[in-house]
Amino acid sequence: MHSDDIDLLNQLNRDYVRSVQDSDVRRFEEILAPDFVNRNPDGALIGRAAFLAQIARPPGITNLESSDVHIQRVGDVALIHASFEDTRPDGSHGRGRYTDIWQERNGRWLCVSAHFARC
């Protein structure tokens, strides 16, 4: 994978995490594919519109950070596997893992699928 792709995908990963923390629907509208789907920790599979509505509500968590980020490119698809930590509304420490799947479409990387789970 070219270093430009890695740099861009790392930035998109940071944008994704920041946008969750900040309820930044506008940024998600820019980086999510029209056919985006998300698997929530409760197992629900939701489409783009439901995900954007979910993001619009304050997340209730703070200090969201990703770590252990691994980017793997397979053709025009990139998989981002990472860990995350946050502070829950009750002040307790939260953590988990996520996988985001990005696809290069017409020269742009768009997130087509996401899955995250709390540990």
PDB file of N, CA and C in Angstrom:
ATOM      1  N   MET A   1       0.851  -1.170   0.000  1.00  0.00           N
ATOM      2  CA  MET A   1       0.000   0.000   0.000  1.00  0.00           C
ATOM      3  C   MET A   1       0.896   1.232   0.000  1.00  0.00           C
ATOM      4  N   HIS A   2       0.544   2.204  -0.796  1.00  0.00           N
ATOM      5  CA  HIS A   2       1.306   3.446  -0.842  1.00  0.00           C
ATOM      6  C   HIS A   2       1.177   4.205   0.472  1.00  0.00           C
ATOM      7  N   SER A   3       2.235   4.924   0.838  1.00  0.00           N
ATOM      8  CA  SER A   3       2.199   5.687   2.091  1.00  0.00           C
ATOM      9  C   SER A   3       1.114   6.755   2.049  1.00  0.00           C
ATOM     10  N   ASP A   4       0.800   7.292   0.848  1.00  0.00           N
ATOM     11  CA  ASP A   4      -0.290   8.272   0.734  1.00  0.00           C
ATOM     12  C   ASP A   4      -1.620   7.659   1.163  1.00  0.00           C
ATOM     13  N   ASP A   5      -1.859   6.388   0.751  1.00  0.00           N
ATOM     14  CA  ASP A   5      -3.084   5.701   1.154  1.00  0.00           C
ATOM     15  C   ASP A   5      -3.125   5.497   2.664  1.00  0.00           C
ATOM     16  N   ILE A   6      -2.011   5.073   3.230  1.00  0.00           N
ATOM     17  CA  ILE A   6      -1.962   4.855   4.683  1.00  0.00           C
ATOM     18  C   ILE A   6      -2.214   6.154   5.421  1.00  0.00           C
ATOM     19  N   ASP A   7      -1.564   7.224   4.996  1.00  0.00           N
ATOM     20  CA  ASP A   7      -1.768   8.528   5.641  1.00  0.00           C
ATOM     21  C   ASP A   7      -3.225   8.957   5.557  1.00  0.00           C
ATOM     22  N   LEU A   8      -3.819   8.828   4.375  1.00  0.00           N
ATOM     23  CA  LEU A   8      -5.208   9.234   4.184  1.00  0.00           C
ATOM     24  C   LEU A   8      -6.153   8.370   5.013  1.00  0.00           C
ATOM     25  N   LEU A   9      -5.954   7.064   5.010  1.00  0.00           N
ATOM     26  CA  LEU A   9      -6.817   6.170   5.784  1.00  0.00           C
ATOM     27  C   LEU A   9      -6.649   6.395   7.281  1.00  0.00           C
ATOM     28  N   ASN A  10      -5.448   6.682   7.737  1.00  0.00           N
ATOM     29  CA  ASN A  10      -5.250   7.037   9.149  1.00  0.00           C
ATOM     30  C   ASN A  10      -6.013   8.312   9.489  1.00  0.00           C
ATOM     31  N   GLN A  11      -5.965   9.302   8.594  1.00  0.00           N
ATOM     32  CA  GLN A  11      -6.696  10.545   8.834  1.00  0.00           C
ATOM     33  C   GLN A  11      -8.206  10.291   8.838  1.00  0.00           C
ATOM     34  N   LEU A  12      -8.681   9.487   7.910  1.00  0.00           N
ATOM     35  CA  LEU A  12     -10.109   9.162   7.879  1.00  0.00           C
ATOM     36  C   LEU A  12     -10.525   8.420   9.144  1.00  0.00           C
ATOM     37  N   ASN A  13      -9.666   7.542   9.647  1.00  0.00           N
ATOM     38  CA  ASN A  13      -9.951   6.853  10.901  1.00  0.00           C
ATOM     39  C   ASN A  13     -10.055   7.853  12.052  1.00  0.00           C
ATOM     40  N   ARG A  14      -9.117   8.791  12.115  1.00  0.00           N
ATOM     41  CA  ARG A  14      -9.174   9.819  13.163  1.00  0.00           C
ATOM     42  C   ARG A  14     -10.443  10.665  13.021  1.00  0.00           C
ATOM     43  N   ASP A  15     -10.798  11.018  11.778  1.00  0.00           N
ATOM     44  CA  ASP A  15     -12.024  11.780  11.538  1.00  0.00           C
ATOM     45  C   ASP A  15     -13.245  11.011  12.020  1.00  0.00           C
ATOM     46  N   TYR A  16     -13.290   9.717  11.724  1.00  0.00           N
ATOM     47  CA  TYR A  16     -14.419   8.873  12.111  1.00  0.00           C
ATOM     48  C   TYR A  16     -14.576   8.883  13.639  1.00  0.00           C
ATOM     49  N   VAL A  17     -13.488   8.634  14.341  1.00  0.00           N
ATOM     50  CA  VAL A  17     -13.528   8.584  15.806  1.00  0.00           C
ATOM     51  C   VAL A  17     -13.919   9.950  16.383  1.00  0.00           C
ATOM     52  N   ARG A  18     -13.311  11.019  15.867  1.00  0.00           N
ATOM     53  CA  ARG A  18     -13.641  12.360  16.338  1.00  0.00           C
ATOM     54  C   ARG A  18     -15.101  12.683  16.057  1.00  0.00           C
ATOM     55  N   SER A  19     -15.592  12.261  14.909  1.00  0.00           N
ATOM     56  CA  SER A  19     -16.976  12.549  14.538  1.00  0.00           C
ATOM     57  C   SER A  19     -17.969  11.820  15.430  1.00  0.00           C
ATOM     58  N   VAL A  20     -17.625  10.629  15.899  1.00  0.00           N
ATOM     59  CA  VAL A  20     -18.470   9.939  16.878  1.00  0.00           C
ATOM     60  C   VAL A  20     -18.504  10.760  18.163  1.00  0.00           C
ATOM     61  N   GLN A  21     -17.339  11.147  18.653  1.00  0.00           N
ATOM     62  CA  GLN A  21     -17.239  11.910  19.909  1.00  0.00           C
ATOM     63  C   GLN A  21     -18.004  13.227  19.827  1.00  0.00           C
ATOM     64  N   ASP A  22     -17.903  13.908  18.666  1.00  0.00           N
ATOM     65  CA  ASP A  22     -18.477  15.250  18.511  1.00  0.00           C
ATOM     66  C   ASP A  22     -19.869  15.262  17.885  1.00  0.00           C
ATOM     67  N   SER A  23     -20.454  14.096  17.627  1.00  0.00           N
ATOM     68  CA  SER A  23     -21.756  14.005  16.948  1.00  0.00           C
ATOM     69  C   SER A  23     -21.742  14.785  15.633  1.00  0.00           C
ATOM     70  N   ASP A  24     -20.681  14.639  14.872  1.00  0.00           N
ATOM     71  CA  ASP A  24     -20.474  15.402  13.645  1.00  0.00           C
ATOM     72  C   ASP A  24     -21.130  14.707  12.440  1.00  0.00           C
ATOM     73  N   VAL A  25     -22.430  14.902  12.315  1.00  0.00           N
ATOM     74  CA  VAL A  25     -23.194  14.294  11.236  1.00  0.00           C
ATOM     75  C   VAL A  25     -22.681  14.773   9.881  1.00  0.00           C
ATOM     76  N   ARG A  26     -22.350  16.038   9.795  1.00  0.00           N
ATOM     77  CA  ARG A  26     -21.893  16.591   8.513  1.00  0.00           C
ATOM     78  C   ARG A  26     -20.661  15.853   7.979  1.00  0.00           C
ATOM     79  N   ARG A  27     -19.699  15.593   8.851  1.00  0.00           N
ATOM     80  CA  ARG A  27     -18.494  14.878   8.401  1.00  0.00           C
ATOM     81  C   ARG A  27     -18.845  13.456   7.984  1.00  0.00           C
ATOM     82  N   PHE A  28     -19.730  12.812   8.742  1.00  0.00           N
ATOM     83  CA  PHE A  28     -20.130  11.461   8.361  1.00  0.00           C
ATOM     84  C   PHE A  28     -20.848  11.456   7.015  1.00  0.00           C
ATOM     85  N   GLU A  29     -21.636  12.477   6.729  1.00  0.00           N
ATOM     86  CA  GLU A  29     -22.300  12.555   5.423  1.00  0.00           C
ATOM     87  C   GLU A  29     -21.274  12.582   4.292  1.00  0.00           C
ATOM     88  N   GLU A  30     -20.103  13.117   4.565  1.00  0.00           N
ATOM     89  CA  GLU A  30     -19.041  13.202   3.557  1.00  0.00           C
ATOM     90  C   GLU A  30     -18.284  11.888   3.379  1.00  0.00           C
ATOM     91  N   ILE A  31     -18.120  11.118   4.452  1.00  0.00           N
ATOM     92  CA  ILE A  31     -17.234   9.949   4.391  1.00  0.00           C
ATOM     93  C   ILE A  31     -17.947   8.600   4.367  1.00  0.00           C
ATOM     94  N   LEU A  32     -19.263   8.592   4.530  1.00  0.00           N
ATOM     95  CA  LEU A  32     -19.993   7.327   4.478  1.00  0.00           C
ATOM     96  C   LEU A  32     -20.543   7.095   3.075  1.00  0.00           C
ATOM     97  N   ALA A  33     -20.416   5.869   2.601  1.00  0.00           N
ATOM     98  CA  ALA A  33     -20.992   5.488   1.310  1.00  0.00           C
ATOM     99  C   ALA A  33     -22.521   5.502   1.418  1.00  0.00           C
ATOM    100  N   PRO A  34     -23.207   5.720   0.310  1.00  0.00           N
ATOM    101  CA  PRO A  34     -24.674   5.690   0.334  1.00  0.00           C
ATOM    102  C   PRO A  34     -25.234   4.363   0.849  1.00  0.00           C
ATOM    103  N   ASP A  35     -24.516   3.252   0.624  1.00  0.00           N
ATOM    104  CA  ASP A  35     -24.972   1.934   1.044  1.00  0.00           C
ATOM    105  C   ASP A  35     -24.324   1.475   2.354  1.00  0.00           C
ATOM    106  N   PHE A  36     -23.816   2.408   3.146  1.00  0.00           N
ATOM    107  CA  PHE A  36     -23.158   2.120   4.433  1.00  0.00           C
ATOM    108  C   PHE A  36     -24.086   1.352   5.364  1.00  0.00           C
ATOM    109  N   VAL A  37     -23.513   0.384   6.096  1.00  0.00           N
ATOM    110  CA  VAL A  37     -24.224  -0.332   7.163  1.00  0.00           C
ATOM    111  C   VAL A  37     -23.324  -0.400   8.393  1.00  0.00           C
ATOM    112  N   ASN A  38     -23.951  -0.420   9.551  1.00  0.00           N
ATOM    113  CA  ASN A  38     -23.225  -0.459  10.825  1.00  0.00           C
ATOM    114  C   ASN A  38     -23.817  -1.538  11.722  1.00  0.00           C
ATOM    115  N   ARG A  39     -22.935  -2.285  12.371  1.00  0.00           N
ATOM    116  CA  ARG A  39     -23.363  -3.265  13.367  1.00  0.00           C
ATOM    117  C   ARG A  39     -23.099  -2.658  14.738  1.00  0.00           C
ATOM    118  N   ASN A  40     -24.165  -2.383  15.479  1.00  0.00           N
ATOM    119  CA  ASN A  40     -24.057  -1.804  16.823  1.00  0.00           C
ATOM    120  C   ASN A  40     -23.651  -2.867  17.839  1.00  0.00           C
ATOM    121  N   PRO A  41     -23.159  -2.445  19.008  1.00  0.00           N
ATOM    122  CA  PRO A  41     -22.762  -3.419  20.036  1.00  0.00           C
ATOM    123  C   PRO A  41     -23.899  -4.342  20.472  1.00  0.00           C
ATOM    124  N   ASP A  42     -25.168  -3.870  20.343  1.00  0.00           N
ATOM    125  CA  ASP A  42     -26.300  -4.716  20.725  1.00  0.00           C
ATOM    126  C   ASP A  42     -26.667  -5.726  19.631  1.00  0.00           C
ATOM    127  N   GLY A  43     -25.915  -5.713  18.529  1.00  0.00           N
ATOM    128  CA  GLY A  43     -26.149  -6.653  17.447  1.00  0.00           C
ATOM    129  C   GLY A  43     -27.027  -6.115  16.331  1.00  0.00           C
ATOM    130  N   ALA A  44     -27.640  -4.950  16.534  1.00  0.00           N
ATOM    131  CA  ALA A  44     -28.509  -4.384  15.502  1.00  0.00           C
ATOM    132  C   ALA A  44     -27.692  -3.956  14.285  1.00  0.00           C
ATOM    133  N   LEU A  45     -28.192  -4.279  13.108  1.00  0.00           N
ATOM    134  CA  LEU A  45     -27.585  -3.854  11.851  1.00  0.00           C
ATOM    135  C   LEU A  45     -28.419  -2.693  11.322  1.00  0.00           C
ATOM    136  N   ILE A  46     -27.789  -1.520  11.182  1.00  0.00           N
ATOM    137  CA  ILE A  46     -28.528  -0.334  10.763  1.00  0.00           C
ATOM    138  C   ILE A  46     -27.899   0.268   9.508  1.00  0.00           C
ATOM    139  N   GLY A  47     -28.721   0.917   8.717  1.00  0.00           N
ATOM    140  CA  GLY A  47     -28.266   1.575   7.506  1.00  0.00           C
ATOM    141  C   GLY A  47     -27.761   2.978   7.780  1.00  0.00           C
ATOM    142  N   ARG A  48     -27.400   3.634   6.717  1.00  0.00           N
ATOM    143  CA  ARG A  48     -26.788   4.969   6.787  1.00  0.00           C
ATOM    144  C   ARG A  48     -27.692   5.980   7.498  1.00  0.00           C
ATOM    145  N   ALA A  49     -28.964   6.061   7.101  1.00  0.00           N
ATOM    146  CA  ALA A  49     -29.875   7.057   7.686  1.00  0.00           C
ATOM    147  C   ALA A  49     -30.035   6.844   9.193  1.00  0.00           C
ATOM    148  N   ALA A  50     -30.211   5.608   9.614  1.00  0.00           N
ATOM    149  CA  ALA A  50     -30.353   5.313  11.046  1.00  0.00           C
ATOM    150  C   ALA A  50     -29.060   5.609  11.794  1.00  0.00           C
ATOM    151  N   PHE A  51     -27.918   5.323  11.156  1.00  0.00           N
ATOM    152  CA  PHE A  51     -26.634   5.617  11.785  1.00  0.00           C
ATOM    153  C   PHE A  51     -26.462   7.123  11.969  1.00  0.00           C
ATOM    154  N   LEU A  52     -26.787   7.904  10.942  1.00  0.00           N
ATOM    155  CA  LEU A  52     -26.671   9.367  11.053  1.00  0.00           C
ATOM    156  C   LEU A  52     -27.593   9.905  12.147  1.00  0.00           C
ATOM    157  N   ALA A  53     -28.796   9.355  12.256  1.00  0.00           N
ATOM    158  CA  ALA A  53     -29.712   9.773  13.330  1.00  0.00           C
ATOM    159  C   ALA A  53     -29.135   9.410  14.696  1.00  0.00           C
ATOM    160  N   GLN A  54     -28.509   8.263  14.786  1.00  0.00           N
ATOM    161  CA  GLN A  54     -27.876   7.817  16.037  1.00  0.00           C
ATOM    162  C   GLN A  54     -26.717   8.744  16.390  1.00  0.00           C
ATOM    163  N   ILE A  55     -25.905   9.105  15.404  1.00  0.00           N
ATOM    164  CA  ILE A  55     -24.754   9.985  15.628  1.00  0.00           C
ATOM    165  C   ILE A  55     -25.198  11.377  16.039  1.00  0.00           C
ATOM    166  N   ALA A  56     -26.325  11.835  15.547  1.00  0.00           N
ATOM    167  CA  ALA A  56     -26.809  13.191  15.851  1.00  0.00           C
ATOM    168  C   ALA A  56     -27.088  13.381  17.337  1.00  0.00           C
ATOM    169  N   ARG A  57     -27.372  12.291  18.035  1.00  0.00           N
ATOM    170  CA  ARG A  57     -27.601  12.374  19.481  1.00  0.00           C
ATOM    171  C   ARG A  57     -26.253  12.369  20.198  1.00  0.00           C
ATOM    172  N   PRO A  58     -26.080  13.208  21.206  1.00  0.00           N
ATOM    173  CA  PRO A  58     -24.806  13.190  21.953  1.00  0.00           C
ATOM    174  C   PRO A  58     -24.504  11.768  22.429  1.00  0.00           C
ATOM    175  N   PRO A  59     -23.244  11.334  22.280  1.00  0.00           N
ATOM    176  CA  PRO A  59     -22.909   9.939  22.569  1.00  0.00           C
ATOM    177  C   PRO A  59     -22.918   9.575  24.050  1.00  0.00           C
ATOM    178  N   GLY A  60     -22.830  10.563  24.927  1.00  0.00           N
ATOM    179  CA  GLY A  60     -22.805  10.252  26.350  1.00  0.00           C
ATOM    180  C   GLY A  60     -21.445   9.791  26.845  1.00  0.00           C
ATOM    181  N   ILE A  61     -20.513   9.607  25.951  1.00  0.00           N
ATOM    182  CA  ILE A  61     -19.162   9.217  26.335  1.00  0.00           C
ATOM    183  C   ILE A  61     -18.229  10.401  26.116  1.00  0.00           C
ATOM    184  N   THR A  62     -17.082  10.348  26.770  1.00  0.00           N
ATOM    185  CA  THR A  62     -16.055  11.366  26.566  1.00  0.00           C
ATOM    186  C   THR A  62     -14.712  10.662  26.409  1.00  0.00           C
ATOM    187  N   ASN A  63     -13.720  11.438  26.039  1.00  0.00           N
ATOM    188  CA  ASN A  63     -12.340  10.938  25.949  1.00  0.00           C
ATOM    189  C   ASN A  63     -12.189   9.734  25.021  1.00  0.00           C
ATOM    190  N   LEU A  64     -12.956   9.704  23.941  1.00  0.00           N
ATOM    191  CA  LEU A  64     -12.878   8.589  22.994  1.00  0.00           C
ATOM    192  C   LEU A  64     -11.557   8.651  22.228  1.00  0.00           C
ATOM    193  N   GLU A  65     -10.823   7.552  22.278  1.00  0.00           N
ATOM    194  CA  GLU A  65      -9.540   7.466  21.581  1.00  0.00           C
ATOM    195  C   GLU A  65      -9.379   6.076  20.996  1.00  0.00           C
ATOM    196  N   SER A  66      -8.746   6.032  19.829  1.00  0.00           N
ATOM    197  CA  SER A  66      -8.443   4.732  19.233  1.00  0.00           C
ATOM    198  C   SER A  66      -6.962   4.429  19.424  1.00  0.00           C
ATOM    199  N   SER A  67      -6.644   3.150  19.367  1.00  0.00           N
ATOM    200  CA  SER A  67      -5.251   2.707  19.480  1.00  0.00           C
ATOM    201  C   SER A  67      -5.124   1.377  18.752  1.00  0.00           C
ATOM    202  N   ASP A  68      -3.903   0.896  18.663  1.00  0.00           N
ATOM    203  CA  ASP A  68      -3.651  -0.403  18.035  1.00  0.00           C
ATOM    204  C   ASP A  68      -4.304  -0.472  16.659  1.00  0.00           C
ATOM    205  N   VAL A  69      -4.145   0.608  15.875  1.00  0.00           N
ATOM    206  CA  VAL A  69      -4.774   0.695  14.560  1.00  0.00           C
ATOM    207  C   VAL A  69      -3.969  -0.112  13.547  1.00  0.00           C
ATOM    208  N   HIS A  70      -4.659  -0.999  12.848  1.00  0.00           N
ATOM    209  CA  HIS A  70      -4.036  -1.814  11.794  1.00  0.00           C
ATOM    210  C   HIS A  70      -4.838  -1.619  10.513  1.00  0.00           C
ATOM    211  N   ILE A  71      -4.160  -1.200   9.450  1.00  0.00           N
ATOM    212  CA  ILE A  71      -4.810  -0.967   8.166  1.00  0.00           C
ATOM    213  C   ILE A  71      -4.323  -2.023   7.179  1.00  0.00           C
ATOM    214  N   GLN A  72      -5.279  -2.673   6.534  1.00  0.00           N
ATOM    215  CA  GLN A  72      -4.980  -3.717   5.558  1.00  0.00           C
ATOM    216  C   GLN A  72      -5.727  -3.375   4.272  1.00  0.00           C
ATOM    217  N   ARG A  73      -5.004  -3.298   3.167  1.00  0.00           N
ATOM    218  CA  ARG A  73      -5.649  -3.014   1.886  1.00  0.00           C
ATOM    219  C   ARG A  73      -5.717  -4.284   1.055  1.00  0.00           C
ATOM    220  N   VAL A  74      -6.897  -4.508   0.467  1.00  0.00           N
ATOM    221  CA  VAL A  74      -7.129  -5.638  -0.422  1.00  0.00           C
ATOM    222  C   VAL A  74      -7.808  -5.064  -1.665  1.00  0.00           C
ATOM    223  N   GLY A  75      -7.029  -4.817  -2.703  1.00  0.00           N
ATOM    224  CA  GLY A  75      -7.583  -4.194  -3.909  1.00  0.00           C
ATOM    225  C   GLY A  75      -8.085  -2.793  -3.618  1.00  0.00           C
ATOM    226  N   ASP A  76      -9.356  -2.549  -3.930  1.00  0.00           N
ATOM    227  CA  ASP A  76      -9.928  -1.221  -3.698  1.00  0.00           C
ATOM    228  C   ASP A  76     -10.632  -1.124  -2.345  1.00  0.00           C
ATOM    229  N   VAL A  77     -10.341  -2.082  -1.461  1.00  0.00           N
ATOM    230  CA  VAL A  77     -10.944  -2.118  -0.126  1.00  0.00           C
ATOM    231  C   VAL A  77      -9.842  -2.019   0.924  1.00  0.00           C
ATOM    232  N   ALA A  78     -10.137  -1.302   1.999  1.00  0.00           N
ATOM    233  CA  ALA A  78      -9.217  -1.230   3.139  1.00  0.00           C
ATOM    234  C   ALA A  78      -9.990  -1.573   4.401  1.00  0.00           C
ATOM    235  N   LEU A  79      -9.376  -2.409   5.226  1.00  0.00           N
ATOM    236  CA  LEU A  79      -9.968  -2.767   6.515  1.00  0.00           C
ATOM    237  C   LEU A  79      -9.155  -2.083   7.602  1.00  0.00           C
ATOM    238  N   ILE A  80      -9.862  -1.431   8.504  1.00  0.00           N
ATOM    239  CA  ILE A  80      -9.202  -0.796   9.641  1.00  0.00           C
ATOM    240  C   ILE A  80      -9.682  -1.509  10.901  1.00  0.00           C
ATOM    241  N   HIS A  81      -8.749  -2.165  11.567  1.00  0.00           N
ATOM    242  CA  HIS A  81      -9.026  -2.844  12.838  1.00  0.00           C
ATOM    243  C   HIS A  81      -8.360  -2.007  13.919  1.00  0.00           C
ATOM    244  N   ALA A  82      -9.064  -1.755  15.026  1.00  0.00           N
ATOM    245  CA  ALA A  82      -8.474  -0.951  16.092  1.00  0.00           C
ATOM    246  C   ALA A  82      -9.174  -1.216  17.417  1.00  0.00           C
ATOM    247  N   SER A  83      -8.528  -0.763  18.464  1.00  0.00           N
ATOM    248  CA  SER A  83      -9.105  -0.749  19.807  1.00  0.00           C
ATOM    249  C   SER A  83      -9.572   0.664  20.107  1.00  0.00           C
ATOM    250  N   PHE A  84     -10.475   0.791  21.058  1.00  0.00           N
ATOM    251  CA  PHE A  84     -10.866   2.120  21.516  1.00  0.00           C
ATOM    252  C   PHE A  84     -11.052   2.113  23.028  1.00  0.00           C
ATOM    253  N   GLU A  85     -10.912   3.287  23.586  1.00  0.00           N
ATOM    254  CA  GLU A  85     -11.182   3.508  25.004  1.00  0.00           C
ATOM    255  C   GLU A  85     -11.990   4.782  25.125  1.00  0.00           C
ATOM    256  N   ASP A  86     -12.823   4.843  26.161  1.00  0.00           N
ATOM    257  CA  ASP A  86     -13.610   6.042  26.417  1.00  0.00           C
ATOM    258  C   ASP A  86     -13.971   6.109  27.894  1.00  0.00           C
ATOM    259  N   THR A  87     -14.597   7.201  28.257  1.00  0.00           N
ATOM    260  CA  THR A  87     -15.138   7.355  29.604  1.00  0.00           C
ATOM    261  C   THR A  87     -16.644   7.346  29.472  1.00  0.00           C
ATOM    262  N   ARG A  88     -17.300   6.459  30.191  1.00  0.00           N
ATOM    263  CA  ARG A  88     -18.756   6.318  30.136  1.00  0.00           C
ATOM    264  C   ARG A  88     -19.419   7.399  30.979  1.00  0.00           C
ATOM    265  N   PRO A  89     -20.726   7.597  30.768  1.00  0.00           N
ATOM    266  CA  PRO A  89     -21.431   8.648  31.502  1.00  0.00           C
ATOM    267  C   PRO A  89     -21.306   8.558  33.030  1.00  0.00           C
ATOM    268  N   ASP A  90     -21.174   7.339  33.555  1.00  0.00           N
ATOM    269  CA  ASP A  90     -21.032   7.163  35.006  1.00  0.00           C
ATOM    270  C   ASP A  90     -19.592   7.349  35.484  1.00  0.00           C
ATOM    271  N   GLY A  91     -18.686   7.693  34.545  1.00  0.00           N
ATOM    272  CA  GLY A  91     -17.288   7.912  34.893  1.00  0.00           C
ATOM    273  C   GLY A  91     -16.414   6.680  34.781  1.00  0.00           C
ATOM    274  N   SER A  92     -17.034   5.536  34.517  1.00  0.00           N
ATOM    275  CA  SER A  92     -16.242   4.312  34.401  1.00  0.00           C
ATOM    276  C   SER A  92     -15.506   4.275  33.055  1.00  0.00           C
ATOM    277  N   HIS A  93     -14.491   3.432  33.021  1.00  0.00           N
ATOM    278  CA  HIS A  93     -13.655   3.274  31.829  1.00  0.00           C
ATOM    279  C   HIS A  93     -14.313   2.270  30.889  1.00  0.00           C
ATOM    280  N   GLY A  94     -14.438   2.643  29.625  1.00  0.00           N
ATOM    281  CA  GLY A  94     -14.972   1.738  28.618  1.00  0.00           C
ATOM    282  C   GLY A  94     -13.902   1.389  27.606  1.00  0.00           C
ATOM    283  N   ARG A  95     -14.053   0.248  26.992  1.00  0.00           N
ATOM    284  CA  ARG A  95     -13.106  -0.145  25.948  1.00  0.00           C
ATOM    285  C   ARG A  95     -13.772  -1.137  25.017  1.00  0.00           C
ATOM    286  N   GLY A  96     -13.136  -1.328  23.862  1.00  0.00           N
ATOM    287  CA  GLY A  96     -13.653  -2.280  22.898  1.00  0.00           C
ATOM    288  C   GLY A  96     -12.795  -2.306  21.658  1.00  0.00           C
ATOM    289  N   ARG A  97     -13.353  -2.897  20.601  1.00  0.00           N
ATOM    290  CA  ARG A  97     -12.653  -3.000  19.316  1.00  0.00           C
ATOM    291  C   ARG A  97     -13.630  -2.645  18.218  1.00  0.00           C
ATOM    292  N   TYR A  98     -13.074  -2.196  17.096  1.00  0.00           N
ATOM    293  CA  TYR A  98     -13.917  -1.921  15.940  1.00  0.00           C
ATOM    294  C   TYR A  98     -13.203  -2.289  14.656  1.00  0.00           C
ATOM    295  N   THR A  99     -14.007  -2.538  13.645  1.00  0.00           N
ATOM    296  CA  THR A  99     -13.522  -2.770  12.294  1.00  0.00           C
ATOM    297  C   THR A  99     -14.347  -1.897  11.363  1.00  0.00           C
ATOM    298  N   ASP A 100     -13.672  -1.075  10.587  1.00  0.00           N
ATOM    299  CA  ASP A 100     -14.314  -0.260   9.567  1.00  0.00           C
ATOM    300  C   ASP A 100     -13.816  -0.730   8.212  1.00  0.00           C
ATOM    301  N   ILE A 101     -14.714  -0.811   7.258  1.00  0.00           N
ATOM    302  CA  ILE A 101     -14.356  -1.230   5.911  1.00  0.00           C
ATOM    303  C   ILE A 101     -14.573  -0.042   4.982  1.00  0.00           C
ATOM    304  N   TRP A 102     -13.494   0.307   4.286  1.00  0.00           N
ATOM    305  CA  TRP A 102     -13.495   1.440   3.365  1.00  0.00           C
ATOM    306  C   TRP A 102     -13.303   0.929   1.954  1.00  0.00           C
ATOM    307  N   GLN A 103     -13.927   1.615   1.000  1.00  0.00           N
ATOM    308  CA  GLN A 103     -13.741   1.254  -0.403  1.00  0.00           C
ATOM    309  C   GLN A 103     -13.401   2.517  -1.194  1.00  0.00           C
ATOM    310  N   GLU A 104     -12.442   2.358  -2.091  1.00  0.00           N
ATOM    311  CA  GLU A 104     -12.078   3.469  -2.956  1.00  0.00           C
ATOM    312  C   GLU A 104     -13.066   3.483  -4.128  1.00  0.00           C
ATOM    313  N   ARG A 105     -13.824   4.563  -4.206  1.00  0.00           N
ATOM    314  CA  ARG A 105     -14.822   4.723  -5.265  1.00  0.00           C
ATOM    315  C   ARG A 105     -14.576   6.048  -5.970  1.00  0.00           C
ATOM    316  N   ASN A 106     -14.350   5.986  -7.254  1.00  0.00           N
ATOM    317  CA  ASN A 106     -14.114   7.200  -8.046  1.00  0.00           C
ATOM    318  C   ASN A 106     -13.042   8.081  -7.425  1.00  0.00           C
ATOM    319  N   GLY A 107     -11.956   7.461  -6.946  1.00  0.00           N
ATOM    320  CA  GLY A 107     -10.832   8.207  -6.404  1.00  0.00           C
ATOM    321  C   GLY A 107     -11.006   8.688  -4.976  1.00  0.00           C
ATOM    322  N   ARG A 108     -12.099   8.316  -4.302  1.00  0.00           N
ATOM    323  CA  ARG A 108     -12.343   8.714  -2.908  1.00  0.00           C
ATOM    324  C   ARG A 108     -12.541   7.474  -2.051  1.00  0.00           C
ATOM    325  N   TRP A 109     -12.010   7.532  -0.837  1.00  0.00           N
ATOM    326  CA  TRP A 109     -12.252   6.466   0.126  1.00  0.00           C
ATOM    327  C   TRP A 109     -13.544   6.769   0.872  1.00  0.00           C
ATOM    328  N   LEU A 110     -14.482   5.797   0.872  1.00  0.00           N
ATOM    329  CA  LEU A 110     -15.737   5.912   1.593  1.00  0.00           C
ATOM    330  C   LEU A 110     -15.901   4.712   2.513  1.00  0.00           C
ATOM    331  N   CYS A 111     -16.429   4.961   3.690  1.00  0.00           N
ATOM    332  CA  CYS A 111     -16.683   3.866   4.629  1.00  0.00           C
ATOM    333  C   CYS A 111     -17.972   3.165   4.197  1.00  0.00           C
ATOM    334  N   VAL A 112     -17.883   1.861   3.959  1.00  0.00           N
ATOM    335  CA  VAL A 112     -19.042   1.100   3.506  1.00  0.00           C
ATOM    336  C   VAL A 112     -19.654   0.247   4.615  1.00  0.00           C
ATOM    337  N   SER A 113     -18.863  -0.016   5.662  1.00  0.00           N
ATOM    338  CA  SER A 113     -19.360  -0.869   6.729  1.00  0.00           C
ATOM    339  C   SER A 113     -18.540  -0.635   7.994  1.00  0.00           C
ATOM    340  N   ALA A 114     -19.205  -0.775   9.131  1.00  0.00           N
ATOM    341  CA  ALA A 114     -18.523  -0.638  10.417  1.00  0.00           C
ATOM    342  C   ALA A 114     -19.130  -1.623  11.416  1.00  0.00           C
ATOM    343  N   HIS A 115     -18.297  -2.076  12.320  1.00  0.00           N
ATOM    344  CA  HIS A 115     -18.737  -2.984  13.376  1.00  0.00           C
ATOM    345  C   HIS A 115     -17.930  -2.648  14.626  1.00  0.00           C
ATOM    346  N   PHE A 116     -18.622  -2.452  15.741  1.00  0.00           N
ATOM    347  CA  PHE A 116     -17.841  -2.273  16.963  1.00  0.00           C
ATOM    348  C   PHE A 116     -18.480  -3.001  18.118  1.00  0.00           C
ATOM    349  N   ALA A 117     -17.618  -3.409  19.022  1.00  0.00           N
ATOM    350  CA  ALA A 117     -18.063  -4.196  20.170  1.00  0.00           C
ATOM    351  C   ALA A 117     -17.345  -3.702  21.414  1.00  0.00           C
ATOM    352  N   ARG A 118     -18.085  -3.656  22.490  1.00  0.00           N
ATOM    353  CA  ARG A 118     -17.500  -3.313  23.791  1.00  0.00           C
ATOM    354  C   ARG A 118     -17.015  -4.573  24.486  1.00  0.00           C
ATOM    355  N   CYS A 119     -15.907  -4.436  25.212  1.00  0.00           N
ATOM    356  CA  CYS A 119     -15.350  -5.569  25.959  1.00  0.00           C
ATOM    357  C   CYS A 119     -15.745  -5.459  27.423  1.00  0.00           C
TER     358      CYS A 119
END
